[in-house]
PDB file of N, CA and C in Angstrom:
ATOM      1  N   MET A   1       0.862  -1.146   0.021  1.00  0.00           N
ATOM      2  CA  MET A   1      -0.002   0.003  -0.001  1.00  0.00           C
ATOM      3  C   MET A   1       0.902   1.214   0.002  1.00  0.00           C
ATOM      4  N   SER A   2       0.517   2.216  -0.734  1.00  0.00           N
ATOM      5  CA  SER A   2       1.291   3.461  -0.832  1.00  0.00           C
ATOM      6  C   SER A   2       0.456   4.638  -0.411  1.00  0.00           C
ATOM      7  N   TYR A   3       1.151   5.750  -0.136  1.00  0.00           N
ATOM      8  CA  TYR A   3       0.438   6.966   0.264  1.00  0.00           C
ATOM      9  C   TYR A   3       0.821   8.091  -0.691  1.00  0.00           C
ATOM     10  N   SER A   4      -0.149   8.859  -1.053  1.00  0.00           N
ATOM     11  CA  SER A   4       0.077  10.068  -1.886  1.00  0.00           C
ATOM     12  C   SER A   4      -0.683  11.204  -1.256  1.00  0.00           C
ATOM     13  N   ALA A   5      -0.075  12.358  -1.164  1.00  0.00           N
ATOM     14  CA  ALA A   5      -0.744  13.521  -0.560  1.00  0.00           C
ATOM     15  C   ALA A   5      -1.998  13.874  -1.342  1.00  0.00           C
ATOM     16  N   ARG A   6      -2.005  13.608  -2.620  1.00  0.00           N
ATOM     17  CA  ARG A   6      -3.125  13.946  -3.475  1.00  0.00           C
ATOM     18  C   ARG A   6      -4.246  12.867  -3.377  1.00  0.00           C
ATOM     19  N   ARG A   7      -3.861  11.595  -3.366  1.00  0.00           N
ATOM     20  CA  ARG A   7      -4.804  10.507  -3.457  1.00  0.00           C
ATOM     21  C   ARG A   7      -5.026   9.754  -2.129  1.00  0.00           C
ATOM     22  N   GLY A   8      -4.192  10.021  -1.137  1.00  0.00           N
ATOM     23  CA  GLY A   8      -4.296   9.302   0.123  1.00  0.00           C
ATOM     24  C   GLY A   8      -3.723   7.915  -0.013  1.00  0.00           C
ATOM     25  N   PHE A   9      -4.197   7.007   0.787  1.00  0.00           N
ATOM     26  CA  PHE A   9      -3.684   5.623   0.730  1.00  0.00           C
ATOM     27  C   PHE A   9      -4.315   4.896  -0.408  1.00  0.00           C
ATOM     28  N   SER A  10      -3.544   4.117  -1.130  1.00  0.00           N
ATOM     29  CA  SER A  10      -4.115   3.342  -2.209  1.00  0.00           C
ATOM     30  C   SER A  10      -3.321   2.052  -2.325  1.00  0.00           C
ATOM     31  N   ASN A  11      -3.882   1.062  -2.987  1.00  0.00           N
ATOM     32  CA  ASN A  11      -3.194  -0.184  -3.214  1.00  0.00           C
ATOM     33  C   ASN A  11      -2.517  -0.185  -4.612  1.00  0.00           C
ATOM     34  N   GLY A  12      -2.358   0.965  -5.199  1.00  0.00           N
ATOM     35  CA  GLY A  12      -1.708   1.102  -6.493  1.00  0.00           C
ATOM     36  C   GLY A  12      -2.713   1.082  -7.655  1.00  0.00           C
ATOM     37  N   SER A  13      -3.943   0.717  -7.349  1.00  0.00           N
ATOM     38  CA  SER A  13      -4.984   0.652  -8.379  1.00  0.00           C
ATOM     39  C   SER A  13      -5.688   2.009  -8.490  1.00  0.00           C
ATOM     40  N   MET A  14      -5.845   2.485  -9.735  1.00  0.00           N
ATOM     41  CA  MET A  14      -6.507   3.790  -9.946  1.00  0.00           C
ATOM     42  C   MET A  14      -7.912   3.560 -10.476  1.00  0.00           C
ATOM     43  N   LYS A  15      -8.486   2.374 -10.347  1.00  0.00           N
ATOM     44  CA  LYS A  15      -9.832   2.127 -10.849  1.00  0.00           C
ATOM     45  C   LYS A  15     -10.858   2.921 -10.031  1.00  0.00           C
ATOM     46  N   PRO A  16     -11.843   3.504 -10.737  1.00  0.00           N
ATOM     47  CA  PRO A  16     -12.874   4.218 -10.007  1.00  0.00           C
ATOM     48  C   PRO A  16     -13.728   3.276  -9.164  1.00  0.00           C
ATOM     49  N   THR A  17     -14.200   3.763  -8.070  1.00  0.00           N
ATOM     50  CA  THR A  17     -15.051   2.966  -7.189  1.00  0.00           C
ATOM     51  C   THR A  17     -16.453   2.903  -7.773  1.00  0.00           C
ATOM     52  N   GLY A  18     -17.281   2.071  -7.215  1.00  0.00           N
ATOM     53  CA  GLY A  18     -18.667   1.960  -7.661  1.00  0.00           C
ATOM     54  C   GLY A  18     -19.414   3.279  -7.514  1.00  0.00           C
ATOM     55  N   ALA A  19     -19.151   3.989  -6.415  1.00  0.00           N
ATOM     56  CA  ALA A  19     -19.797   5.267  -6.149  1.00  0.00           C
ATOM     57  C   ALA A  19     -19.344   6.297  -7.195  1.00  0.00           C
ATOM     58  N   GLN A  20     -18.084   6.233  -7.565  1.00  0.00           N
ATOM     59  CA  GLN A  20     -17.554   7.178  -8.557  1.00  0.00           C
ATOM     60  C   GLN A  20     -18.187   6.921  -9.939  1.00  0.00           C
ATOM     61  N   ARG A  21     -18.282   5.616 -10.289  1.00  0.00           N
ATOM     62  CA  ARG A  21     -18.907   5.281 -11.582  1.00  0.00           C
ATOM     63  C   ARG A  21     -20.360   5.669 -11.581  1.00  0.00           C
ATOM     64  N   GLN A  22     -21.079   5.505 -10.459  1.00  0.00           N
ATOM     65  CA  GLN A  22     -22.457   5.923 -10.388  1.00  0.00           C
ATOM     66  C   GLN A  22     -22.606   7.440 -10.540  1.00  0.00           C
ATOM     67  N   GLN A  23     -21.725   8.182  -9.895  1.00  0.00           N
ATOM     68  CA  GLN A  23     -21.739   9.652 -10.015  1.00  0.00           C
ATOM     69  C   GLN A  23     -21.487  10.057 -11.440  1.00  0.00           C
ATOM     70  N   GLU A  24     -20.543   9.428 -12.146  1.00  0.00           N
ATOM     71  CA  GLU A  24     -20.250   9.735 -13.537  1.00  0.00           C
ATOM     72  C   GLU A  24     -21.470   9.436 -14.397  1.00  0.00           C
ATOM     73  N   MET A  25     -22.126   8.323 -14.134  1.00  0.00           N
ATOM     74  CA  MET A  25     -23.314   7.938 -14.922  1.00  0.00           C
ATOM     75  C   MET A  25     -24.411   8.968 -14.703  1.00  0.00           C
ATOM     76  N   GLN A  26     -24.625   9.377 -13.477  1.00  0.00           N
ATOM     77  CA  GLN A  26     -25.661  10.377 -13.200  1.00  0.00           C
ATOM     78  C   GLN A  26     -25.362  11.697 -13.906  1.00  0.00           C
ATOM     79  N   GLU A  27     -24.112  12.072 -13.943  1.00  0.00           N
ATOM     80  CA  GLU A  27     -23.754  13.301 -14.638  1.00  0.00           C
ATOM     81  C   GLU A  27     -23.988  13.189 -16.151  1.00  0.00           C
ATOM     82  N   LYS A  28     -23.684  12.010 -16.701  1.00  0.00           N
ATOM     83  CA  LYS A  28     -23.931  11.793 -18.142  1.00  0.00           C
ATOM     84  C   LYS A  28     -25.441  11.793 -18.412  1.00  0.00           C
ATOM     85  N   ILE A  29     -26.234  11.207 -17.537  1.00  0.00           N
ATOM     86  CA  ILE A  29     -27.678  11.218 -17.751  1.00  0.00           C
ATOM     87  C   ILE A  29     -28.244  12.623 -17.653  1.00  0.00           C
ATOM     88  N   GLN A  30     -27.762  13.399 -16.669  1.00  0.00           N
ATOM     89  CA  GLN A  30     -28.216  14.791 -16.550  1.00  0.00           C
ATOM     90  C   GLN A  30     -27.857  15.586 -17.785  1.00  0.00           C
ATOM     91  N   GLN A  31     -26.638  15.410 -18.309  1.00  0.00           N
ATOM     92  CA  GLN A  31     -26.218  16.097 -19.536  1.00  0.00           C
ATOM     93  C   GLN A  31     -27.129  15.714 -20.694  1.00  0.00           C
ATOM     94  N   MET A  32     -27.436  14.409 -20.820  1.00  0.00           N
ATOM     95  CA  MET A  32     -28.280  13.933 -21.905  1.00  0.00           C
ATOM     96  C   MET A  32     -29.687  14.533 -21.767  1.00  0.00           C
ATOM     97  N   GLN A  33     -30.188  14.598 -20.561  1.00  0.00           N
ATOM     98  CA  GLN A  33     -31.521  15.190 -20.347  1.00  0.00           C
ATOM     99  C   GLN A  33     -31.530  16.670 -20.754  1.00  0.00           C
ATOM    100  N   GLU A  34     -30.489  17.379 -20.447  1.00  0.00           N
ATOM    101  CA  GLU A  34     -30.419  18.790 -20.815  1.00  0.00           C
ATOM    102  C   GLU A  34     -30.351  18.934 -22.335  1.00  0.00           C
ATOM    103  N   GLU A  35     -29.586  18.073 -23.003  1.00  0.00           N
ATOM    104  CA  GLU A  35     -29.478  18.074 -24.450  1.00  0.00           C
ATOM    105  C   GLU A  35     -30.819  17.747 -25.104  1.00  0.00           C
ATOM    106  N   MET A  36     -31.531  16.781 -24.516  1.00  0.00           N
ATOM    107  CA  MET A  36     -32.857  16.409 -25.049  1.00  0.00           C
ATOM    108  C   MET A  36     -33.839  17.526 -24.877  1.00  0.00           C
ATOM    109  N   ALA A  37     -33.825  18.219 -23.744  1.00  0.00           N
ATOM    110  CA  ALA A  37     -34.773  19.339 -23.525  1.00  0.00           C
ATOM    111  C   ALA A  37     -34.459  20.447 -24.532  1.00  0.00           C
ATOM    112  N   LYS A  38     -33.199  20.707 -24.730  1.00  0.00           N
ATOM    113  CA  LYS A  38     -32.821  21.781 -25.718  1.00  0.00           C
ATOM    114  C   LYS A  38     -33.259  21.398 -27.124  1.00  0.00           C
ATOM    115  N   ALA A  39     -32.969  20.155 -27.488  1.00  0.00           N
ATOM    116  CA  ALA A  39     -33.375  19.680 -28.849  1.00  0.00           C
ATOM    117  C   ALA A  39     -34.882  19.738 -29.018  1.00  0.00           C
ATOM    118  N   GLN A  40     -35.642  19.312 -28.018  1.00  0.00           N
ATOM    119  CA  GLN A  40     -37.079  19.326 -28.087  1.00  0.00           C
ATOM    120  C   GLN A  40     -37.590  20.757 -28.243  1.00  0.00           C
ATOM    121  N   SER A  41     -37.048  21.670 -27.505  1.00  0.00           N
ATOM    122  CA  SER A  41     -37.427  23.070 -27.557  1.00  0.00           C
ATOM    123  C   SER A  41     -37.195  23.647 -28.939  1.00  0.00           C
ATOM    124  N   GLN A  42     -36.022  23.314 -29.538  1.00  0.00           N
ATOM    125  CA  GLN A  42     -35.689  23.832 -30.888  1.00  0.00           C
ATOM    126  C   GLN A  42     -36.700  23.312 -31.913  1.00  0.00           C
ATOM    127  N   VAL A  43     -37.040  22.029 -31.825  1.00  0.00           N
ATOM    128  CA  VAL A  43     -37.980  21.491 -32.794  1.00  0.00           C
ATOM    129  C   VAL A  43     -39.371  22.082 -32.559  1.00  0.00           C
ATOM    130  N   GLU A  44     -39.819  22.248 -31.312  1.00  0.00           N
ATOM    131  CA  GLU A  44     -41.104  22.825 -31.078  1.00  0.00           C
ATOM    132  C   GLU A  44     -41.242  24.239 -31.595  1.00  0.00           C
ATOM    133  N   GLU A  45     -40.171  24.973 -31.671  1.00  0.00           N
ATOM    134  CA  GLU A  45     -40.183  26.338 -32.166  1.00  0.00           C
ATOM    135  C   GLU A  45     -40.113  26.416 -33.696  1.00  0.00           C
ATOM    136  N   ALA A  46     -39.677  25.321 -34.301  1.00  0.00           N
ATOM    137  CA  ALA A  46     -39.549  25.251 -35.785  1.00  0.00           C
ATOM    138  C   ALA A  46     -40.886  25.152 -36.451  1.00  0.00           C
ATOM    139  N   GLU A  47     -40.934  25.585 -37.718  1.00  0.00           N
ATOM    140  CA  GLU A  47     -42.136  25.463 -38.520  1.00  0.00           C
ATOM    141  C   GLU A  47     -41.879  24.520 -39.680  1.00  0.00           C
ATOM    142  N   PHE A  48     -42.907  23.756 -40.044  1.00  0.00           N
ATOM    143  CA  PHE A  48     -42.812  22.769 -41.117  1.00  0.00           C
ATOM    144  C   PHE A  48     -43.970  23.006 -42.092  1.00  0.00           C
ATOM    145  N   SER A  49     -43.670  22.985 -43.378  1.00  0.00           N
ATOM    146  CA  SER A  49     -44.679  23.240 -44.391  1.00  0.00           C
ATOM    147  C   SER A  49     -44.694  22.103 -45.377  1.00  0.00           C
ATOM    148  N   ALA A  50     -45.864  21.907 -45.956  1.00  0.00           N
ATOM    149  CA  ALA A  50     -46.018  20.916 -47.047  1.00  0.00           C
ATOM    150  C   ALA A  50     -47.073  21.439 -48.007  1.00  0.00           C
ATOM    151  N   SER A  51     -46.823  21.122 -49.258  1.00  0.00           N
ATOM    152  CA  SER A  51     -47.767  21.518 -50.327  1.00  0.00           C
ATOM    153  C   SER A  51     -48.157  20.252 -51.075  1.00  0.00           C
ATOM    154  N   VAL A  52     -49.417  20.210 -51.517  1.00  0.00           N
ATOM    155  CA  VAL A  52     -49.881  19.064 -52.294  1.00  0.00           C
ATOM    156  C   VAL A  52     -50.722  19.594 -53.484  1.00  0.00           C
ATOM    157  N   GLY A  53     -50.988  18.711 -54.392  1.00  0.00           N
ATOM    158  CA  GLY A  53     -51.795  19.072 -55.553  1.00  0.00           C
ATOM    159  C   GLY A  53     -51.093  20.097 -56.417  1.00  0.00           C
ATOM    160  N   GLY A  54     -49.795  19.937 -56.568  1.00  0.00           N
ATOM    161  CA  GLY A  54     -49.079  20.912 -57.366  1.00  0.00           C
ATOM    162  C   GLY A  54     -48.973  22.288 -56.722  1.00  0.00           C
ATOM    163  N   GLY A  55     -49.137  22.370 -55.414  1.00  0.00           N
ATOM    164  CA  GLY A  55     -48.986  23.623 -54.719  1.00  0.00           C
ATOM    165  C   GLY A  55     -50.312  24.359 -54.483  1.00  0.00           C
ATOM    166  N   VAL A  56     -51.435  23.736 -54.866  1.00  0.00           N
ATOM    167  CA  VAL A  56     -52.684  24.447 -54.676  1.00  0.00           C
ATOM    168  C   VAL A  56     -53.148  24.481 -53.230  1.00  0.00           C
ATOM    169  N   VAL A  57     -52.675  23.514 -52.437  1.00  0.00           N
ATOM    170  CA  VAL A  57     -52.976  23.528 -50.996  1.00  0.00           C
ATOM    171  C   VAL A  57     -51.685  23.361 -50.241  1.00  0.00           C
ATOM    172  N   SER A  58     -51.448  24.209 -49.271  1.00  0.00           N
ATOM    173  CA  SER A  58     -50.305  24.059 -48.398  1.00  0.00           C
ATOM    174  C   SER A  58     -50.673  24.245 -46.962  1.00  0.00           C
ATOM    175  N   ALA A  59     -49.910  23.601 -46.090  1.00  0.00           N
ATOM    176  CA  ALA A  59     -50.182  23.688 -44.660  1.00  0.00           C
ATOM    177  C   ALA A  59     -48.868  23.967 -43.958  1.00  0.00           C
ATOM    178  N   LYS A  60     -48.969  24.694 -42.822  1.00  0.00           N
ATOM    179  CA  LYS A  60     -47.806  24.979 -41.989  1.00  0.00           C
ATOM    180  C   LYS A  60     -48.153  24.582 -40.558  1.00  0.00           C
ATOM    181  N   VAL A  61     -47.258  23.824 -39.951  1.00  0.00           N
ATOM    182  CA  VAL A  61     -47.411  23.412 -38.535  1.00  0.00           C
ATOM    183  C   VAL A  61     -46.134  23.749 -37.799  1.00  0.00           C
ATOM    184  N   ASN A  62     -46.217  23.711 -36.466  1.00  0.00           N
ATOM    185  CA  ASN A  62     -45.016  23.888 -35.682  1.00  0.00           C
ATOM    186  C   ASN A  62     -44.635  22.513 -35.068  1.00  0.00           C
ATOM    187  N   GLY A  63     -43.539  22.468 -34.370  1.00  0.00           N
ATOM    188  CA  GLY A  63     -43.053  21.227 -33.768  1.00  0.00           C
ATOM    189  C   GLY A  63     -43.936  20.757 -32.629  1.00  0.00           C
ATOM    190  N   LYS A  64     -44.838  21.604 -32.166  1.00  0.00           N
ATOM    191  CA  LYS A  64     -45.791  21.186 -31.138  1.00  0.00           C
ATOM    192  C   LYS A  64     -47.019  20.522 -31.747  1.00  0.00           C
ATOM    193  N   LYS A  65     -46.973  20.363 -33.047  1.00  0.00           N
ATOM    194  CA  LYS A  65     -48.063  19.729 -33.819  1.00  0.00           C
ATOM    195  C   LYS A  65     -49.328  20.587 -33.829  1.00  0.00           C
ATOM    196  N   GLU A  66     -49.096  21.901 -33.884  1.00  0.00           N
ATOM    197  CA  GLU A  66     -50.213  22.833 -34.007  1.00  0.00           C
ATOM    198  C   GLU A  66     -50.270  23.351 -35.420  1.00  0.00           C
ATOM    199  N   VAL A  67     -51.436  23.354 -36.047  1.00  0.00           N
ATOM    200  CA  VAL A  67     -51.593  23.883 -37.391  1.00  0.00           C
ATOM    201  C   VAL A  67     -51.532  25.405 -37.318  1.00  0.00           C
ATOM    202  N   LEU A  68     -50.622  25.986 -38.016  1.00  0.00           N
ATOM    203  CA  LEU A  68     -50.425  27.433 -38.025  1.00  0.00           C
ATOM    204  C   LEU A  68     -51.210  28.109 -39.160  1.00  0.00           C
ATOM    205  N   SER A  69     -51.227  27.409 -40.308  1.00  0.00           N
ATOM    206  CA  SER A  69     -51.980  27.999 -41.437  1.00  0.00           C
ATOM    207  C   SER A  69     -52.248  26.975 -42.470  1.00  0.00           C
ATOM    208  N   VAL A  70     -53.296  27.190 -43.231  1.00  0.00           N
ATOM    209  CA  VAL A  70     -53.631  26.400 -44.412  1.00  0.00           C
ATOM    210  C   VAL A  70     -53.919  27.395 -45.499  1.00  0.00           C
ATOM    211  N   THR A  71     -53.260  27.222 -46.648  1.00  0.00           N
ATOM    212  CA  THR A  71     -53.440  28.119 -47.740  1.00  0.00           C
ATOM    213  C   THR A  71     -54.023  27.349 -48.919  1.00  0.00           C
ATOM    214  N   ILE A  72     -55.075  27.860 -49.510  1.00  0.00           N
ATOM    215  CA  ILE A  72     -55.765  27.206 -50.633  1.00  0.00           C
ATOM    216  C   ILE A  72     -55.797  28.186 -51.790  1.00  0.00           C
ATOM    217  N   GLN A  73     -55.206  27.806 -52.904  1.00  0.00           N
ATOM    218  CA  GLN A  73     -55.266  28.641 -54.118  1.00  0.00           C
ATOM    219  C   GLN A  73     -56.682  28.658 -54.659  1.00  0.00           C
ATOM    220  N   PRO A  74     -57.168  29.772 -55.152  1.00  0.00           N
ATOM    221  CA  PRO A  74     -58.550  29.892 -55.626  1.00  0.00           C
ATOM    222  C   PRO A  74     -58.890  28.848 -56.709  1.00  0.00           C
ATOM    223  N   ASP A  75     -57.930  28.439 -57.555  1.00  0.00           N
ATOM    224  CA  ASP A  75     -58.276  27.501 -58.594  1.00  0.00           C
ATOM    225  C   ASP A  75     -58.511  26.087 -58.060  1.00  0.00           C
ATOM    226  N   ALA A  76     -58.191  25.869 -56.754  1.00  0.00           N
ATOM    227  CA  ALA A  76     -58.432  24.541 -56.151  1.00  0.00           C
ATOM    228  C   ALA A  76     -59.895  24.417 -55.672  1.00  0.00           C
ATOM    229  N   VAL A  77     -60.581  25.541 -55.648  1.00  0.00           N
ATOM    230  CA  VAL A  77     -61.957  25.531 -55.113  1.00  0.00           C
ATOM    231  C   VAL A  77     -62.937  25.228 -56.275  1.00  0.00           C
ATOM    232  N   ASP A  78     -63.460  24.037 -56.239  1.00  0.00           N
ATOM    233  CA  ASP A  78     -64.449  23.601 -57.221  1.00  0.00           C
ATOM    234  C   ASP A  78     -65.680  23.177 -56.463  1.00  0.00           C
ATOM    235  N   PRO A  79     -66.762  23.949 -56.528  1.00  0.00           N
ATOM    236  CA  PRO A  79     -67.980  23.604 -55.745  1.00  0.00           C
ATOM    237  C   PRO A  79     -68.518  22.210 -56.083  1.00  0.00           C
ATOM    238  N   GLU A  80     -68.160  21.718 -57.265  1.00  0.00           N
ATOM    239  CA  GLU A  80     -68.641  20.412 -57.679  1.00  0.00           C
ATOM    240  C   GLU A  80     -67.793  19.290 -57.067  1.00  0.00           C
ATOM    241  N   ASP A  81     -66.609  19.602 -56.534  1.00  0.00           N
ATOM    242  CA  ASP A  81     -65.695  18.573 -56.040  1.00  0.00           C
ATOM    243  C   ASP A  81     -65.087  19.004 -54.713  1.00  0.00           C
ATOM    244  N   VAL A  82     -65.896  19.237 -53.722  1.00  0.00           N
ATOM    245  CA  VAL A  82     -65.415  19.639 -52.420  1.00  0.00           C
ATOM    246  C   VAL A  82     -64.594  18.544 -51.772  1.00  0.00           C
ATOM    247  N   GLU A  83     -64.920  17.290 -52.025  1.00  0.00           N
ATOM    248  CA  GLU A  83     -64.201  16.167 -51.419  1.00  0.00           C
ATOM    249  C   GLU A  83     -62.707  16.188 -51.820  1.00  0.00           C
ATOM    250  N   MET A  84     -62.401  16.529 -53.039  1.00  0.00           N
ATOM    251  CA  MET A  84     -60.995  16.589 -53.465  1.00  0.00           C
ATOM    252  C   MET A  84     -60.254  17.661 -52.656  1.00  0.00           C
ATOM    253  N   LEU A  85     -60.889  18.811 -52.482  1.00  0.00           N
ATOM    254  CA  LEU A  85     -60.277  19.874 -51.725  1.00  0.00           C
ATOM    255  C   LEU A  85     -60.034  19.463 -50.275  1.00  0.00           C
ATOM    256  N   GLN A  86     -61.018  18.759 -49.677  1.00  0.00           N
ATOM    257  CA  GLN A  86     -60.869  18.276 -48.331  1.00  0.00           C
ATOM    258  C   GLN A  86     -59.692  17.279 -48.247  1.00  0.00           C
ATOM    259  N   ASP A  87     -59.603  16.387 -49.200  1.00  0.00           N
ATOM    260  CA  ASP A  87     -58.520  15.406 -49.214  1.00  0.00           C
ATOM    261  C   ASP A  87     -57.167  16.098 -49.328  1.00  0.00           C
ATOM    262  N   LEU A  88     -57.087  17.163 -50.164  1.00  0.00           N
ATOM    263  CA  LEU A  88     -55.841  17.887 -50.323  1.00  0.00           C
ATOM    264  C   LEU A  88     -55.421  18.553 -49.037  1.00  0.00           C
ATOM    265  N   VAL A  89     -56.385  19.134 -48.328  1.00  0.00           N
ATOM    266  CA  VAL A  89     -56.099  19.790 -47.044  1.00  0.00           C
ATOM    267  C   VAL A  89     -55.598  18.773 -46.072  1.00  0.00           C
ATOM    268  N   VAL A  90     -56.273  17.663 -45.916  1.00  0.00           N
ATOM    269  CA  VAL A  90     -55.849  16.585 -44.996  1.00  0.00           C
ATOM    270  C   VAL A  90     -54.429  16.118 -45.342  1.00  0.00           C
ATOM    271  N   SER A  91     -54.185  15.913 -46.640  1.00  0.00           N
ATOM    272  CA  SER A  91     -52.860  15.451 -47.093  1.00  0.00           C
ATOM    273  C   SER A  91     -51.778  16.417 -46.740  1.00  0.00           C
ATOM    274  N   ALA A  92     -52.005  17.704 -46.975  1.00  0.00           N
ATOM    275  CA  ALA A  92     -51.004  18.723 -46.693  1.00  0.00           C
ATOM    276  C   ALA A  92     -50.718  18.830 -45.184  1.00  0.00           C
ATOM    277  N   VAL A  93     -51.769  18.787 -44.375  1.00  0.00           N
ATOM    278  CA  VAL A  93     -51.578  18.884 -42.926  1.00  0.00           C
ATOM    279  C   VAL A  93     -50.831  17.634 -42.427  1.00  0.00           C
ATOM    280  N   ASN A  94     -51.230  16.458 -42.880  1.00  0.00           N
ATOM    281  CA  ASN A  94     -50.582  15.237 -42.440  1.00  0.00           C
ATOM    282  C   ASN A  94     -49.094  15.188 -42.844  1.00  0.00           C
ATOM    283  N   GLU A  95     -48.763  15.658 -44.040  1.00  0.00           N
ATOM    284  CA  GLU A  95     -47.379  15.688 -44.458  1.00  0.00           C
ATOM    285  C   GLU A  95     -46.552  16.650 -43.624  1.00  0.00           C
ATOM    286  N   ALA A  96     -47.080  17.812 -43.298  1.00  0.00           N
ATOM    287  CA  ALA A  96     -46.389  18.757 -42.474  1.00  0.00           C
ATOM    288  C   ALA A  96     -46.169  18.173 -41.052  1.00  0.00           C
ATOM    289  N   LEU A  97     -47.203  17.522 -40.542  1.00  0.00           N
ATOM    290  CA  LEU A  97     -47.060  16.854 -39.197  1.00  0.00           C
ATOM    291  C   LEU A  97     -46.028  15.725 -39.249  1.00  0.00           C
ATOM    292  N   ARG A  98     -45.995  14.978 -40.342  1.00  0.00           N
ATOM    293  CA  ARG A  98     -45.002  13.892 -40.468  1.00  0.00           C
ATOM    294  C   ARG A  98     -43.599  14.492 -40.435  1.00  0.00           C
ATOM    295  N   GLN A  99     -43.412  15.637 -41.113  1.00  0.00           N
ATOM    296  CA  GLN A  99     -42.098  16.291 -41.136  1.00  0.00           C
ATOM    297  C   GLN A  99     -41.710  16.740 -39.693  1.00  0.00           C
ATOM    298  N   ALA A 100     -42.681  17.239 -38.942  1.00  0.00           N
ATOM    299  CA  ALA A 100     -42.427  17.657 -37.561  1.00  0.00           C
ATOM    300  C   ALA A 100     -42.018  16.444 -36.721  1.00  0.00           C
ATOM    301  N   ASP A 101     -42.752  15.345 -36.892  1.00  0.00           N
ATOM    302  CA  ASP A 101     -42.440  14.130 -36.125  1.00  0.00           C
ATOM    303  C   ASP A 101     -41.024  13.643 -36.465  1.00  0.00           C
ATOM    304  N   GLU A 102     -40.701  13.607 -37.747  1.00  0.00           N
ATOM    305  CA  GLU A 102     -39.362  13.182 -38.198  1.00  0.00           C
ATOM    306  C   GLU A 102     -38.286  14.055 -37.646  1.00  0.00           C
ATOM    307  N   ALA A 103     -38.524  15.345 -37.639  1.00  0.00           N
ATOM    308  CA  ALA A 103     -37.531  16.272 -37.089  1.00  0.00           C
ATOM    309  C   ALA A 103     -37.334  16.027 -35.578  1.00  0.00           C
ATOM    310  N   MET A 104     -38.400  15.786 -34.852  1.00  0.00           N
ATOM    311  CA  MET A 104     -38.303  15.515 -33.414  1.00  0.00           C
ATOM    312  C   MET A 104     -37.546  14.216 -33.178  1.00  0.00           C
ATOM    313  N   GLN A 105     -37.823  13.163 -33.930  1.00  0.00           N
ATOM    314  CA  GLN A 105     -37.140  11.888 -33.769  1.00  0.00           C
ATOM    315  C   GLN A 105     -35.658  12.013 -34.067  1.00  0.00           C
ATOM    316  N   ASN A 106     -35.319  12.708 -35.138  1.00  0.00           N
ATOM    317  CA  ASN A 106     -33.935  12.923 -35.478  1.00  0.00           C
ATOM    318  C   ASN A 106     -33.200  13.764 -34.400  1.00  0.00           C
ATOM    319  N   SER A 107     -33.856  14.745 -33.939  1.00  0.00           N
ATOM    320  CA  SER A 107     -33.294  15.615 -32.899  1.00  0.00           C
ATOM    321  C   SER A 107     -33.044  14.831 -31.629  1.00  0.00           C
ATOM    322  N   MET A 108     -33.990  14.010 -31.218  1.00  0.00           N
ATOM    323  CA  MET A 108     -33.846  13.204 -30.017  1.00  0.00           C
ATOM    324  C   MET A 108     -32.733  12.137 -30.183  1.00  0.00           C
ATOM    325  N   ALA A 109     -32.642  11.563 -31.372  1.00  0.00           N
ATOM    326  CA  ALA A 109     -31.604  10.570 -31.656  1.00  0.00           C
ATOM    327  C   ALA A 109     -30.242  11.214 -31.548  1.00  0.00           C
ATOM    328  N   ARG A 110     -30.090  12.429 -32.066  1.00  0.00           N
ATOM    329  CA  ARG A 110     -28.810  13.122 -31.910  1.00  0.00           C
ATOM    330  C   ARG A 110     -28.477  13.437 -30.453  1.00  0.00           C
ATOM    331  N   ALA A 111     -29.501  13.850 -29.711  1.00  0.00           N
ATOM    332  CA  ALA A 111     -29.299  14.231 -28.306  1.00  0.00           C
ATOM    333  C   ALA A 111     -28.959  13.017 -27.435  1.00  0.00           C
ATOM    334  N   THR A 112     -29.484  11.861 -27.786  1.00  0.00           N
ATOM    335  CA  THR A 112     -29.216  10.658 -26.999  1.00  0.00           C
ATOM    336  C   THR A 112     -28.110   9.808 -27.567  1.00  0.00           C
ATOM    337  N   GLY A 113     -27.469  10.292 -28.627  1.00  0.00           N
ATOM    338  CA  GLY A 113     -26.411   9.481 -29.247  1.00  0.00           C
ATOM    339  C   GLY A 113     -26.930   8.205 -29.860  1.00  0.00           C
ATOM    340  N   GLY A 114     -28.208   8.210 -30.250  1.00  0.00           N
ATOM    341  CA  GLY A 114     -28.795   7.003 -30.843  1.00  0.00           C
ATOM    342  C   GLY A 114     -29.275   6.008 -29.833  1.00  0.00           C
ATOM    343  N   LEU A 115     -29.172   6.265 -28.547  1.00  0.00           N
ATOM    344  CA  LEU A 115     -29.595   5.384 -27.494  1.00  0.00           C
ATOM    345  C   LEU A 115     -31.137   5.216 -27.565  1.00  0.00           C
ATOM    346  N   ASN A 116     -31.586   3.988 -27.605  1.00  0.00           N
ATOM    347  CA  ASN A 116     -33.042   3.730 -27.644  1.00  0.00           C
ATOM    348  C   ASN A 116     -33.590   3.806 -26.211  1.00  0.00           C
ATOM    349  N   LEU A 117     -34.312   4.898 -25.938  1.00  0.00           N
ATOM    350  CA  LEU A 117     -34.847   5.091 -24.598  1.00  0.00           C
ATOM    351  C   LEU A 117     -36.219   4.458 -24.438  1.00  0.00           C
ATOM    352  N   GLY A 118     -36.738   3.819 -25.463  1.00  0.00           N
ATOM    353  CA  GLY A 118     -38.034   3.147 -25.405  1.00  0.00           C
ATOM    354  C   GLY A 118     -38.108   2.093 -24.337  1.00  0.00           C
ATOM    355  N   ALA A 119     -36.976   1.412 -24.114  1.00  0.00           N
ATOM    356  CA  ALA A 119     -36.899   0.385 -23.087  1.00  0.00           C
ATOM    357  C   ALA A 119     -37.110   0.944 -21.677  1.00  0.00           C
ATOM    358  N   PHE A 120     -36.845   2.253 -21.524  1.00  0.00           N
ATOM    359  CA  PHE A 120     -37.016   2.928 -20.252  1.00  0.00           C
ATOM    360  C   PHE A 120     -38.341   3.631 -20.148  1.00  0.00           C
ATOM    361  N   GLY A 121     -39.194   3.467 -21.158  1.00  0.00           N
ATOM    362  CA  GLY A 121     -40.507   4.132 -21.155  1.00  0.00           C
ATOM    363  C   GLY A 121     -40.432   5.566 -21.504  1.00  0.00           C
ATOM    364  N   LEU A 122     -39.373   6.031 -22.183  1.00  0.00           N
ATOM    365  CA  LEU A 122     -39.211   7.443 -22.552  1.00  0.00           C
ATOM    366  C   LEU A 122     -39.450   7.656 -23.984  1.00  0.00           C
TER     367      LEU A 122
END
């Protein structure tokens, strides 16, 4: 056994103790949580747009999955075919929401280093 003014008594091994490893893991988890919160906030503030029907209908949503706007070109309005217009609106909104979901998933994957947190219920 040796003594060092900096490390105290040791048996020559510099391996971290269980408590030290646990502390390091907690710090890494806290850092990951902070990165995830930042990434989520950035995506929630972002806006996503999609156009369908050659651009006659477009929708804009944010990362919170709130519809911000729907734009319909006048030539898309046919009183004889309201169903087509409804389908175009639904398609544009769904595509914009899909983009927001994809951005959130990618952002979380980057923040977690690709770690699958589904096993932890997150």
